Amino acid sequence: MNKTLIVNRNQCEEILSVEKCLPAMKDALIAVSTNQTKMLQRFMIRHENGNSLANMPASLGTQDMTGAKIIIFPGPATAKAKTQQGIIPLFSIETGALKAIIDAELITVVRTAATSGVATDALARKDSSVLAILGCGKQGRAHVQAMLAVRDIKTVYMWDLYLETAKAACELLKVQYPAVEFIPCETAKEAVVNADIICTTTPGKTEIPVLLGSWLKPGAHINAVGTCTAAGRELDADAVAKSTIFTDWNEAVNRDAGDILMAIAKGELDAMPHLTEVGNVLSGAHPGRTDREEITMFESVGISVEDIAAANMIYLYAKENNIGTWLEI
């Protein structure tokens, strides 16, 4: 019987970082746009207490890996108790063997930020030095790490619905990056108006946008991250209309990008704007940014192949370095 490698949450934290994840996300995004993946869009079973079981399956042919992220999206009580969990089982496409079971909690945060980092490196102006983060939880802080990994950021403006959260994030990040200036902001506009790069990492569950197009300066790049369903948005229609839009996967964005779909439903946009998968930029098939004044946007709804690629990276490292537990299942 084949043995399966179990890698728990603490071990994933030992192995995975945003910086280490960047190459894997670049390869995954290129694979999406060159038809080297097979994916299903996220599907969910919703429960009365607000918990949802999400299943995100994908195959990464370049790595002989197939699997799925199976995770609980928590309702209010579960989120407060922090009891939600998730796993990523990895199977060999060739043999069907269960190679590993990887904890999914950290992967979700890290691969999302790393994917934005890859997109930013492809699309943002090379001289970008001012960053705005809207939403200062785990995802917002991880996006700071990703942006600093790909651009020489000097100043970071941080806004959150709760000012104390923004202040706490700034204090935490100052210790990690003493050469960077971190500024908590009372309003989202204050954070955005001078920013070369903007990352929206709020929960994105309401119809009220946190980023308005009128605040954007020419040449800005946006990573729109917080919304992954059609039922919420972070950007207003003006921000969408002003932007050249790049995606992680066009098919998923056409179904789940509330930033765009809600504006269409409300009659604020006439139709779905032109979408280009960022993998086409990374592969050289599309030029990406064509003008210093162009506003670019990476619309990221999160796709399962990113989870498989990150989990596979953890599996290979853990196997090589004798991390984790081998079990017969």
C-alpha atoms as a PDB file:
ATOM      1  CA  MET A   1       0.000   0.000   0.000  1.00  0.00           C
ATOM      2  CA  ASN A   2       1.200   3.506  -0.805  1.00  0.00           C
ATOM      3  CA  LYS A   3       2.048   5.819   2.062  1.00  0.00           C
ATOM      4  CA  THR A   4       0.675   9.374   2.242  1.00  0.00           C
ATOM      5  CA  LEU A   5       2.550  12.384   3.613  1.00  0.00           C
ATOM      6  CA  ILE A   6       0.572  14.449   6.138  1.00  0.00           C
ATOM      7  CA  VAL A   7       1.757  18.047   6.537  1.00  0.00           C
ATOM      8  CA  ASN A   8       0.038  19.944   9.354  1.00  0.00           C
ATOM      9  CA  ARG A   9      -0.510  23.675   9.840  1.00  0.00           C
ATOM     10  CA  ASN A  10       2.625  24.329  11.882  1.00  0.00           C
ATOM     11  CA  GLN A  11       4.748  22.482   9.354  1.00  0.00           C
ATOM     12  CA  CYS A  12       3.172  24.462   6.494  1.00  0.00           C
ATOM     13  CA  GLU A  13       4.109  27.667   8.315  1.00  0.00           C
ATOM     14  CA  GLU A  14       7.679  26.396   8.555  1.00  0.00           C
ATOM     15  CA  ILE A  15       7.838  25.747   4.816  1.00  0.00           C
ATOM     16  CA  LEU A  16       5.646  28.300   3.082  1.00  0.00           C
ATOM     17  CA  SER A  17       6.171  32.038   2.688  1.00  0.00           C
ATOM     18  CA  VAL A  18       4.862  34.611   0.227  1.00  0.00           C
ATOM     19  CA  GLU A  19       8.307  35.031  -1.311  1.00  0.00           C
ATOM     20  CA  LYS A  20       8.812  31.274  -1.777  1.00  0.00           C
ATOM     21  CA  CYS A  21       5.353  30.956  -3.321  1.00  0.00           C
ATOM     22  CA  LEU A  22       5.872  33.553  -6.079  1.00  0.00           C
ATOM     23  CA  PRO A  23       7.528  31.219  -8.645  1.00  0.00           C
ATOM     24  CA  ALA A  24       4.889  28.511  -8.148  1.00  0.00           C
ATOM     25  CA  MET A  25       2.077  31.021  -8.720  1.00  0.00           C
ATOM     26  CA  LYS A  26       3.754  32.375 -11.840  1.00  0.00           C
ATOM     27  CA  ASP A  27       4.027  28.871 -13.264  1.00  0.00           C
ATOM     28  CA  ALA A  28       0.399  28.108 -12.323  1.00  0.00           C
ATOM     29  CA  LEU A  29      -0.954  31.260 -13.987  1.00  0.00           C
ATOM     30  CA  ILE A  30       0.987  30.517 -17.160  1.00  0.00           C
ATOM     31  CA  ALA A  31      -0.343  26.947 -17.081  1.00  0.00           C
ATOM     32  CA  VAL A  32      -3.919  28.295 -16.882  1.00  0.00           C
ATOM     33  CA  SER A  33      -3.469  30.425 -19.984  1.00  0.00           C
ATOM     34  CA  THR A  34      -1.615  27.735 -21.964  1.00  0.00           C
ATOM     35  CA  ASN A  35      -4.218  25.018 -21.349  1.00  0.00           C
ATOM     36  CA  GLN A  36      -1.998  22.893 -19.103  1.00  0.00           C
ATOM     37  CA  THR A  37      -4.570  22.749 -16.296  1.00  0.00           C
ATOM     38  CA  LYS A  38      -8.009  21.314 -15.772  1.00  0.00           C
ATOM     39  CA  MET A  39     -10.258  23.104 -13.276  1.00  0.00           C
ATOM     40  CA  LEU A  40     -13.765  23.328 -11.965  1.00  0.00           C
ATOM     41  CA  GLN A  41     -15.040  26.548 -10.519  1.00  0.00           C
ATOM     42  CA  ARG A  42     -15.575  26.758  -6.767  1.00  0.00           C
ATOM     43  CA  PHE A  43     -18.794  25.124  -5.583  1.00  0.00           C
ATOM     44  CA  MET A  44     -20.225  25.354  -2.096  1.00  0.00           C
ATOM     45  CA  ILE A  45     -22.708  23.747   0.269  1.00  0.00           C
ATOM     46  CA  ARG A  46     -24.170  26.474   2.472  1.00  0.00           C
ATOM     47  CA  HIS A  47     -25.459  25.777   5.970  1.00  0.00           C
ATOM     48  CA  GLU A  48     -27.955  27.605   8.170  1.00  0.00           C
ATOM     49  CA  ASN A  49     -25.301  28.718  10.686  1.00  0.00           C
ATOM     50  CA  GLY A  50     -23.364  30.543   7.977  1.00  0.00           C
ATOM     51  CA  ASN A  51     -20.703  27.894   7.485  1.00  0.00           C
ATOM     52  CA  SER A  52     -20.116  26.825   3.893  1.00  0.00           C
ATOM     53  CA  LEU A  53     -18.234  23.775   2.676  1.00  0.00           C
ATOM     54  CA  ALA A  54     -16.221  24.848  -0.376  1.00  0.00           C
ATOM     55  CA  ASN A  55     -14.673  22.473  -2.882  1.00  0.00           C
ATOM     56  CA  MET A  56     -12.090  23.728  -5.389  1.00  0.00           C
ATOM     57  CA  PRO A  57     -10.687  20.928  -7.608  1.00  0.00           C
ATOM     58  CA  ALA A  58      -7.913  21.201 -10.196  1.00  0.00           C
ATOM     59  CA  SER A  59      -5.269  19.238 -12.060  1.00  0.00           C
ATOM     60  CA  LEU A  60      -1.810  20.598 -12.787  1.00  0.00           C
ATOM     61  CA  GLY A  61      -0.535  18.509 -15.662  1.00  0.00           C
ATOM     62  CA  THR A  62       2.956  19.990 -15.551  1.00  0.00           C
ATOM     63  CA  GLN A  63       3.423  18.500 -12.043  1.00  0.00           C
ATOM     64  CA  ASP A  64       1.453  15.219 -12.367  1.00  0.00           C
ATOM     65  CA  MET A  65      -0.822  16.410  -9.565  1.00  0.00           C
ATOM     66  CA  THR A  66      -4.574  16.553  -9.132  1.00  0.00           C
ATOM     67  CA  GLY A  67      -6.608  17.327  -6.041  1.00  0.00           C
ATOM     68  CA  ALA A  68      -8.888  19.835  -4.405  1.00  0.00           C
ATOM     69  CA  LYS A  69      -8.980  22.371  -1.654  1.00  0.00           C
ATOM     70  CA  ILE A  70     -11.805  21.369   0.676  1.00  0.00           C
ATOM     71  CA  ILE A  71     -12.373  24.024   3.278  1.00  0.00           C
ATOM     72  CA  ILE A  72     -14.983  25.612   5.537  1.00  0.00           C
ATOM     73  CA  PHE A  73     -15.789  29.246   4.843  1.00  0.00           C
ATOM     74  CA  PRO A  74     -16.846  30.196   8.382  1.00  0.00           C
ATOM     75  CA  GLY A  75     -20.041  31.788   9.544  1.00  0.00           C
ATOM     76  CA  PRO A  76     -19.977  34.304  12.435  1.00  0.00           C
ATOM     77  CA  ALA A  77     -19.813  31.848  15.354  1.00  0.00           C
ATOM     78  CA  THR A  78     -17.197  29.640  13.711  1.00  0.00           C
ATOM     79  CA  ALA A  79     -15.080  32.626  12.698  1.00  0.00           C
ATOM     80  CA  LYS A  80     -15.129  33.906  16.286  1.00  0.00           C
ATOM     81  CA  ALA A  81     -14.193  30.485  17.665  1.00  0.00           C
ATOM     82  CA  LYS A  82     -11.558  29.953  14.925  1.00  0.00           C
ATOM     83  CA  THR A  83     -12.493  26.281  14.613  1.00  0.00           C
ATOM     84  CA  GLN A  84     -12.738  26.163  10.804  1.00  0.00           C
ATOM     85  CA  GLN A  85     -10.323  23.891   8.970  1.00  0.00           C
ATOM     86  CA  GLY A  86      -9.416  22.818   5.473  1.00  0.00           C
ATOM     87  CA  ILE A  87      -7.261  20.282   3.673  1.00  0.00           C
ATOM     88  CA  ILE A  88      -5.783  19.722   0.225  1.00  0.00           C
ATOM     89  CA  PRO A  89      -5.444  16.053  -0.794  1.00  0.00           C
ATOM     90  CA  LEU A  90      -2.941  15.576  -3.638  1.00  0.00           C
ATOM     91  CA  PHE A  91      -3.113  12.619  -6.023  1.00  0.00           C
ATOM     92  CA  SER A  92      -0.829  11.530  -8.831  1.00  0.00           C
ATOM     93  CA  ILE A  93      -2.634  11.958 -12.155  1.00  0.00           C
ATOM     94  CA  GLU A  94      -0.689   9.008 -13.594  1.00  0.00           C
ATOM     95  CA  THR A  95      -1.123   6.433 -10.826  1.00  0.00           C
ATOM     96  CA  GLY A  96      -4.033   7.756  -8.769  1.00  0.00           C
ATOM     97  CA  ALA A  97      -1.970   7.402  -5.580  1.00  0.00           C
ATOM     98  CA  LEU A  98      -2.778   9.749  -2.694  1.00  0.00           C
ATOM     99  CA  LYS A  99       0.581  11.494  -2.337  1.00  0.00           C
ATOM    100  CA  ALA A 100      -0.178  13.959   0.434  1.00  0.00           C
ATOM    101  CA  ILE A 101      -2.747  15.697   2.606  1.00  0.00           C
ATOM    102  CA  ILE A 102      -1.759  19.306   3.220  1.00  0.00           C
ATOM    103  CA  ASP A 103      -3.328  21.757   5.668  1.00  0.00           C
ATOM    104  CA  ALA A 104      -5.109  24.465   3.664  1.00  0.00           C
ATOM    105  CA  GLU A 105      -5.434  27.353   6.134  1.00  0.00           C
ATOM    106  CA  LEU A 106      -2.113  29.087   5.453  1.00  0.00           C
ATOM    107  CA  ILE A 107      -2.115  28.255   1.745  1.00  0.00           C
ATOM    108  CA  THR A 108      -5.248  30.309   1.116  1.00  0.00           C
ATOM    109  CA  VAL A 109      -3.657  33.468   2.508  1.00  0.00           C
ATOM    110  CA  VAL A 110      -0.185  32.991   1.066  1.00  0.00           C
ATOM    111  CA  ARG A 111      -1.063  31.882  -2.453  1.00  0.00           C
ATOM    112  CA  THR A 112      -3.540  34.759  -2.829  1.00  0.00           C
ATOM    113  CA  ALA A 113      -0.936  37.354  -1.880  1.00  0.00           C
ATOM    114  CA  ALA A 114       1.744  35.653  -3.973  1.00  0.00           C
ATOM    115  CA  THR A 115      -0.577  35.604  -6.996  1.00  0.00           C
ATOM    116  CA  SER A 116      -1.140  39.348  -6.594  1.00  0.00           C
ATOM    117  CA  GLY A 117       2.627  39.764  -6.311  1.00  0.00           C
ATOM    118  CA  VAL A 118       3.177  37.964  -9.606  1.00  0.00           C
ATOM    119  CA  ALA A 119       0.471  40.041 -11.314  1.00  0.00           C
ATOM    120  CA  THR A 120       1.901  43.252  -9.859  1.00  0.00           C
ATOM    121  CA  ASP A 121       5.377  42.405 -11.104  1.00  0.00           C
ATOM    122  CA  ALA A 122       3.919  41.907 -14.584  1.00  0.00           C
ATOM    123  CA  LEU A 123       1.654  44.975 -14.652  1.00  0.00           C
ATOM    124  CA  ALA A 124       2.669  47.733 -12.217  1.00  0.00           C
ATOM    125  CA  ARG A 125       5.101  50.458 -13.198  1.00  0.00           C
ATOM    126  CA  LYS A 126       8.672  49.546 -12.331  1.00  0.00           C
ATOM    127  CA  ASP A 127       9.150  52.765 -10.360  1.00  0.00           C
ATOM    128  CA  SER A 128       6.120  52.185  -8.110  1.00  0.00           C
ATOM    129  CA  SER A 129       7.044  53.149  -4.554  1.00  0.00           C
ATOM    130  CA  VAL A 130       3.777  53.994  -2.760  1.00  0.00           C
ATOM    131  CA  LEU A 131       1.391  51.236  -1.699  1.00  0.00           C
ATOM    132  CA  ALA A 132      -2.172  51.391  -0.345  1.00  0.00           C
ATOM    133  CA  ILE A 133      -3.743  48.485   1.522  1.00  0.00           C
ATOM    134  CA  LEU A 134      -7.522  48.566   2.063  1.00  0.00           C
ATOM    135  CA  GLY A 135      -8.286  45.896   4.650  1.00  0.00           C
ATOM    136  CA  CYS A 136      -5.599  45.183   7.252  1.00  0.00           C
ATOM    137  CA  GLY A 137      -6.256  41.601   8.324  1.00  0.00           C
ATOM    138  CA  LYS A 138      -4.107  38.586   7.457  1.00  0.00           C
ATOM    139  CA  GLN A 139      -4.625  39.032   3.754  1.00  0.00           C
ATOM    140  CA  GLY A 140      -3.758  42.718   3.838  1.00  0.00           C
ATOM    141  CA  ARG A 141      -0.551  42.074   5.776  1.00  0.00           C
ATOM    142  CA  ALA A 142       0.396  39.236   3.422  1.00  0.00           C
ATOM    143  CA  HIS A 143      -0.106  41.578   0.479  1.00  0.00           C
ATOM    144  CA  VAL A 144       2.369  44.005   1.993  1.00  0.00           C
ATOM    145  CA  GLN A 145       4.945  41.196   1.962  1.00  0.00           C
ATOM    146  CA  ALA A 146       4.104  40.346  -1.645  1.00  0.00           C
ATOM    147  CA  MET A 147       4.310  43.929  -2.894  1.00  0.00           C
ATOM    148  CA  LEU A 148       7.620  44.550  -1.121  1.00  0.00           C
ATOM    149  CA  ALA A 149       8.978  41.398  -2.746  1.00  0.00           C
ATOM    150  CA  VAL A 150       8.377  42.719  -6.278  1.00  0.00           C
ATOM    151  CA  ARG A 151       8.712  46.512  -5.988  1.00  0.00           C
ATOM    152  CA  ASP A 152      10.896  48.961  -4.046  1.00  0.00           C
ATOM    153  CA  ILE A 153       8.107  50.267  -1.827  1.00  0.00           C
ATOM    154  CA  LYS A 154       9.004  53.234   0.368  1.00  0.00           C
ATOM    155  CA  THR A 155       5.617  54.152   1.862  1.00  0.00           C
ATOM    156  CA  VAL A 156       2.576  52.055   2.766  1.00  0.00           C
ATOM    157  CA  TYR A 157      -0.793  53.647   3.582  1.00  0.00           C
ATOM    158  CA  MET A 158      -3.090  51.273   5.461  1.00  0.00           C
ATOM    159  CA  TRP A 159      -6.839  51.624   5.919  1.00  0.00           C
ATOM    160  CA  ASP A 160      -9.344  49.365   7.604  1.00  0.00           C
ATOM    161  CA  LEU A 161     -12.970  49.746   8.619  1.00  0.00           C
ATOM    162  CA  TYR A 162     -11.576  49.800  12.156  1.00  0.00           C
ATOM    163  CA  LEU A 163      -8.780  52.343  12.565  1.00  0.00           C
ATOM    164  CA  GLU A 164      -7.266  50.406  15.457  1.00  0.00           C
ATOM    165  CA  THR A 165      -6.785  47.423  13.155  1.00  0.00           C
ATOM    166  CA  ALA A 166      -4.884  49.605  10.690  1.00  0.00           C
ATOM    167  CA  LYS A 167      -2.731  51.041  13.483  1.00  0.00           C
ATOM    168  CA  ALA A 168      -1.951  47.578  14.860  1.00  0.00           C
ATOM    169  CA  ALA A 169      -0.989  46.313  11.398  1.00  0.00           C
ATOM    170  CA  CYS A 170       1.337  49.268  10.894  1.00  0.00           C
ATOM    171  CA  GLU A 171       3.080  48.673  14.207  1.00  0.00           C
ATOM    172  CA  LEU A 172       3.524  44.984  13.438  1.00  0.00           C
ATOM    173  CA  LEU A 173       4.904  45.606   9.949  1.00  0.00           C
ATOM    174  CA  LYS A 174       7.270  48.366  11.100  1.00  0.00           C
ATOM    175  CA  VAL A 175       9.163  45.757  13.084  1.00  0.00           C
ATOM    176  CA  GLN A 176       9.454  43.494  10.060  1.00  0.00           C
ATOM    177  CA  TYR A 177      10.300  46.271   7.572  1.00  0.00           C
ATOM    178  CA  PRO A 178      12.018  49.110   9.480  1.00  0.00           C
ATOM    179  CA  ALA A 179      13.136  50.900   6.300  1.00  0.00           C
ATOM    180  CA  VAL A 180       9.522  51.320   5.093  1.00  0.00           C
ATOM    181  CA  GLU A 181       7.157  54.032   6.337  1.00  0.00           C
ATOM    182  CA  PHE A 182       3.764  52.676   7.413  1.00  0.00           C
ATOM    183  CA  ILE A 183       0.913  55.180   7.812  1.00  0.00           C
ATOM    184  CA  PRO A 184      -2.530  54.278   9.226  1.00  0.00           C
ATOM    185  CA  CYS A 185      -5.364  56.188   7.539  1.00  0.00           C
ATOM    186  CA  GLU A 186      -8.778  57.253   8.770  1.00  0.00           C
ATOM    187  CA  THR A 187     -10.326  57.078   5.280  1.00  0.00           C
ATOM    188  CA  ALA A 188      -9.794  54.862   2.252  1.00  0.00           C
ATOM    189  CA  LYS A 189      -9.435  57.952   0.064  1.00  0.00           C
ATOM    190  CA  GLU A 190      -6.528  59.167   2.175  1.00  0.00           C
ATOM    191  CA  ALA A 191      -4.780  55.841   1.609  1.00  0.00           C
ATOM    192  CA  VAL A 192      -5.377  55.693  -2.138  1.00  0.00           C
ATOM    193  CA  VAL A 193      -4.876  59.165  -3.632  1.00  0.00           C
ATOM    194  CA  ASN A 194      -1.066  59.006  -3.803  1.00  0.00           C
ATOM    195  CA  ALA A 195      -0.725  55.265  -4.301  1.00  0.00           C
ATOM    196  CA  ASP A 196       1.037  53.636  -7.229  1.00  0.00           C
ATOM    197  CA  ILE A 197      -0.296  50.210  -6.194  1.00  0.00           C
ATOM    198  CA  ILE A 198      -3.597  49.559  -4.399  1.00  0.00           C
ATOM    199  CA  CYS A 199      -4.588  46.196  -2.887  1.00  0.00           C
ATOM    200  CA  THR A 200      -8.218  45.771  -1.820  1.00  0.00           C
ATOM    201  CA  THR A 201      -8.282  42.954   0.731  1.00  0.00           C
ATOM    202  CA  THR A 202     -11.521  43.637   2.615  1.00  0.00           C
ATOM    203  CA  PRO A 203     -14.195  40.943   3.169  1.00  0.00           C
ATOM    204  CA  GLY A 204     -15.926  42.308   0.047  1.00  0.00           C
ATOM    205  CA  LYS A 205     -19.379  41.118   1.069  1.00  0.00           C
ATOM    206  CA  THR A 206     -21.431  44.302   0.642  1.00  0.00           C
ATOM    207  CA  GLU A 207     -22.690  46.383  -2.263  1.00  0.00           C
ATOM    208  CA  ILE A 208     -20.839  49.451  -0.953  1.00  0.00           C
ATOM    209  CA  PRO A 209     -17.457  49.891  -2.697  1.00  0.00           C
ATOM    210  CA  VAL A 210     -14.390  50.906  -0.686  1.00  0.00           C
ATOM    211  CA  LEU A 211     -12.380  52.095  -3.717  1.00  0.00           C
ATOM    212  CA  LEU A 212     -13.678  54.833  -6.015  1.00  0.00           C
ATOM    213  CA  GLY A 213     -12.329  55.505  -9.483  1.00  0.00           C
ATOM    214  CA  SER A 214     -12.170  59.237  -8.819  1.00  0.00           C
ATOM    215  CA  TRP A 215      -9.367  58.629  -6.300  1.00  0.00           C
ATOM    216  CA  LEU A 216      -7.052  56.811  -8.715  1.00  0.00           C
ATOM    217  CA  LYS A 217      -4.013  58.581 -10.076  1.00  0.00           C
ATOM    218  CA  PRO A 218      -2.809  57.927 -13.636  1.00  0.00           C
ATOM    219  CA  GLY A 219      -0.576  54.885 -13.919  1.00  0.00           C
ATOM    220  CA  ALA A 220      -1.877  53.144 -10.801  1.00  0.00           C
ATOM    221  CA  HIS A 221      -2.183  49.378 -10.514  1.00  0.00           C
ATOM    222  CA  ILE A 222      -4.999  47.699  -8.537  1.00  0.00           C
ATOM    223  CA  ASN A 223      -5.108  44.208  -7.080  1.00  0.00           C
ATOM    224  CA  ALA A 224      -8.817  43.567  -6.463  1.00  0.00           C
ATOM    225  CA  VAL A 225      -8.769  40.604  -4.099  1.00  0.00           C
ATOM    226  CA  GLY A 226     -11.487  40.672  -1.435  1.00  0.00           C
ATOM    227  CA  THR A 227     -14.541  39.814  -3.538  1.00  0.00           C
ATOM    228  CA  CYS A 228     -14.905  36.243  -4.786  1.00  0.00           C
ATOM    229  CA  THR A 229     -18.658  36.122  -5.439  1.00  0.00           C
ATOM    230  CA  ALA A 230     -21.122  38.133  -7.494  1.00  0.00           C
ATOM    231  CA  ALA A 231     -22.850  39.247  -4.279  1.00  0.00           C
ATOM    232  CA  GLY A 232     -20.307  41.835  -3.130  1.00  0.00           C
ATOM    233  CA  ARG A 233     -17.834  44.367  -4.443  1.00  0.00           C
ATOM    234  CA  GLU A 234     -14.913  46.537  -3.377  1.00  0.00           C
ATOM    235  CA  LEU A 235     -14.604  48.795  -6.472  1.00  0.00           C
ATOM    236  CA  ASP A 236     -17.123  51.196  -7.938  1.00  0.00           C
ATOM    237  CA  ALA A 237     -18.041  51.152 -11.627  1.00  0.00           C
ATOM    238  CA  ASP A 238     -15.801  54.149 -12.357  1.00  0.00           C
ATOM    239  CA  ALA A 239     -12.720  52.302 -11.082  1.00  0.00           C
ATOM    240  CA  VAL A 240     -13.601  49.304 -13.251  1.00  0.00           C
ATOM    241  CA  ALA A 241     -14.288  51.452 -16.327  1.00  0.00           C
ATOM    242  CA  LYS A 242     -10.986  53.309 -15.998  1.00  0.00           C
ATOM    243  CA  SER A 243      -8.940  50.120 -15.783  1.00  0.00           C
ATOM    244  CA  THR A 244      -7.438  47.677 -18.224  1.00  0.00           C
ATOM    245  CA  ILE A 245      -8.500  44.409 -16.617  1.00  0.00           C
ATOM    246  CA  PHE A 246      -6.389  41.291 -16.202  1.00  0.00           C
ATOM    247  CA  THR A 247      -7.615  38.138 -14.474  1.00  0.00           C
ATOM    248  CA  ASP A 248      -6.417  34.919 -12.893  1.00  0.00           C
ATOM    249  CA  TRP A 249      -8.947  32.949 -15.001  1.00  0.00           C
ATOM    250  CA  ASN A 250     -11.493  34.580 -17.295  1.00  0.00           C
ATOM    251  CA  GLU A 251     -14.109  31.869 -16.782  1.00  0.00           C
ATOM    252  CA  ALA A 252     -14.134  32.341 -13.005  1.00  0.00           C
ATOM    253  CA  VAL A 253     -14.198  36.130 -13.253  1.00  0.00           C
ATOM    254  CA  ASN A 254     -17.194  35.977 -15.595  1.00  0.00           C
ATOM    255  CA  ARG A 255     -19.081  34.106 -12.854  1.00  0.00           C
ATOM    256  CA  ASP A 256     -17.717  35.440  -9.558  1.00  0.00           C
ATOM    257  CA  ALA A 257     -16.231  38.941  -9.964  1.00  0.00           C
ATOM    258  CA  GLY A 258     -18.705  41.047  -8.022  1.00  0.00           C
ATOM    259  CA  ASP A 259     -16.631  44.172  -8.696  1.00  0.00           C
ATOM    260  CA  ILE A 260     -17.717  43.910 -12.328  1.00  0.00           C
ATOM    261  CA  LEU A 261     -20.941  41.892 -12.212  1.00  0.00           C
ATOM    262  CA  MET A 262     -22.637  44.069  -9.616  1.00  0.00           C
ATOM    263  CA  ALA A 263     -21.912  47.214 -11.622  1.00  0.00           C
ATOM    264  CA  ILE A 264     -23.475  45.556 -14.676  1.00  0.00           C
ATOM    265  CA  ALA A 265     -26.512  44.388 -12.687  1.00  0.00           C
ATOM    266  CA  LYS A 266     -27.067  47.917 -11.382  1.00  0.00           C
ATOM    267  CA  GLY A 267     -26.804  49.420 -14.875  1.00  0.00           C
ATOM    268  CA  GLU A 268     -23.564  51.254 -14.030  1.00  0.00           C
ATOM    269  CA  LEU A 269     -21.669  49.345 -16.739  1.00  0.00           C
ATOM    270  CA  ASP A 270     -23.202  48.345 -20.067  1.00  0.00           C
ATOM    271  CA  ALA A 271     -21.467  44.998 -20.438  1.00  0.00           C
ATOM    272  CA  MET A 272     -18.576  42.838 -19.318  1.00  0.00           C
ATOM    273  CA  PRO A 273     -15.363  44.699 -20.185  1.00  0.00           C
ATOM    274  CA  HIS A 274     -12.556  43.045 -22.109  1.00  0.00           C
ATOM    275  CA  LEU A 275     -10.639  40.573 -19.931  1.00  0.00           C
ATOM    276  CA  THR A 276      -7.091  39.282 -20.409  1.00  0.00           C
ATOM    277  CA  GLU A 277      -5.677  36.447 -18.320  1.00  0.00           C
ATOM    278  CA  VAL A 278      -2.473  37.587 -16.665  1.00  0.00           C
ATOM    279  CA  GLY A 279      -0.888  34.266 -17.619  1.00  0.00           C
ATOM    280  CA  ASN A 280      -0.805  35.566 -21.176  1.00  0.00           C
ATOM    281  CA  VAL A 281       1.306  38.489 -19.998  1.00  0.00           C
ATOM    282  CA  LEU A 282       3.615  36.212 -18.017  1.00  0.00           C
ATOM    283  CA  SER A 283       4.102  33.916 -21.021  1.00  0.00           C
ATOM    284  CA  GLY A 284       4.863  36.830 -23.350  1.00  0.00           C
ATOM    285  CA  ALA A 285       1.723  36.398 -25.440  1.00  0.00           C
ATOM    286  CA  HIS A 286       0.341  39.800 -24.314  1.00  0.00           C
ATOM    287  CA  PRO A 287       2.299  42.999 -23.631  1.00  0.00           C
ATOM    288  CA  GLY A 288       0.480  43.868 -20.394  1.00  0.00           C
ATOM    289  CA  ARG A 289       0.821  47.532 -19.535  1.00  0.00           C
ATOM    290  CA  THR A 290       1.308  49.630 -22.687  1.00  0.00           C
ATOM    291  CA  ASP A 291       1.418  53.164 -21.233  1.00  0.00           C
ATOM    292  CA  ARG A 292       2.784  54.796 -18.067  1.00  0.00           C
ATOM    293  CA  GLU A 293      -0.550  56.559 -17.567  1.00  0.00           C
ATOM    294  CA  GLU A 294      -2.645  53.395 -18.028  1.00  0.00           C
ATOM    295  CA  ILE A 295      -4.522  52.141 -14.967  1.00  0.00           C
ATOM    296  CA  THR A 296      -4.255  48.366 -14.698  1.00  0.00           C
ATOM    297  CA  MET A 297      -6.325  46.056 -12.539  1.00  0.00           C
ATOM    298  CA  PHE A 298      -5.798  42.431 -11.541  1.00  0.00           C
ATOM    299  CA  GLU A 299      -9.212  40.959 -10.784  1.00  0.00           C
ATOM    300  CA  SER A 300      -8.471  37.945  -8.600  1.00  0.00           C
ATOM    301  CA  VAL A 301     -11.293  35.662  -7.493  1.00  0.00           C
ATOM    302  CA  GLY A 302      -8.990  32.827  -6.402  1.00  0.00           C
ATOM    303  CA  ILE A 303      -8.724  29.636  -8.426  1.00  0.00           C
ATOM    304  CA  SER A 304      -8.073  26.060  -7.399  1.00  0.00           C
ATOM    305  CA  VAL A 305      -4.937  25.467  -9.437  1.00  0.00           C
ATOM    306  CA  GLU A 306      -3.173  28.040  -7.250  1.00  0.00           C
ATOM    307  CA  ASP A 307      -3.985  25.892  -4.208  1.00  0.00           C
ATOM    308  CA  ILE A 308      -2.750  22.725  -5.921  1.00  0.00           C
ATOM    309  CA  ALA A 309       0.479  24.414  -7.021  1.00  0.00           C
ATOM    310  CA  ALA A 310       1.176  25.759  -3.523  1.00  0.00           C
ATOM    311  CA  ALA A 311       0.312  22.433  -1.871  1.00  0.00           C
ATOM    312  CA  ASN A 312       2.549  20.580  -4.307  1.00  0.00           C
ATOM    313  CA  MET A 313       5.413  22.935  -3.486  1.00  0.00           C
ATOM    314  CA  ILE A 314       4.928  22.154   0.226  1.00  0.00           C
ATOM    315  CA  TYR A 315       4.736  18.415  -0.496  1.00  0.00           C
ATOM    316  CA  LEU A 316       7.982  18.352  -2.492  1.00  0.00           C
ATOM    317  CA  TYR A 317       9.858  20.406   0.113  1.00  0.00           C
ATOM    318  CA  ALA A 318       8.512  18.365   3.012  1.00  0.00           C
ATOM    319  CA  LYS A 319       9.411  15.071   1.322  1.00  0.00           C
ATOM    320  CA  GLU A 320      12.941  16.246   0.550  1.00  0.00           C
ATOM    321  CA  ASN A 321      13.541  17.639   4.048  1.00  0.00           C
ATOM    322  CA  ASN A 322      11.870  14.874   6.085  1.00  0.00           C
ATOM    323  CA  ILE A 323       9.028  17.082   7.353  1.00  0.00           C
ATOM    324  CA  GLY A 324       5.574  15.676   8.088  1.00  0.00           C
ATOM    325  CA  THR A 325       4.205  12.238   8.907  1.00  0.00           C
ATOM    326  CA  TRP A 326       3.912   9.251   6.537  1.00  0.00           C
ATOM    327  CA  LEU A 327       0.779   7.144   7.009  1.00  0.00           C
ATOM    328  CA  GLU A 328      -0.946   4.270   5.292  1.00  0.00           C
ATOM    329  CA  ILE A 329      -4.520   5.359   4.615  1.00  0.00           C
END
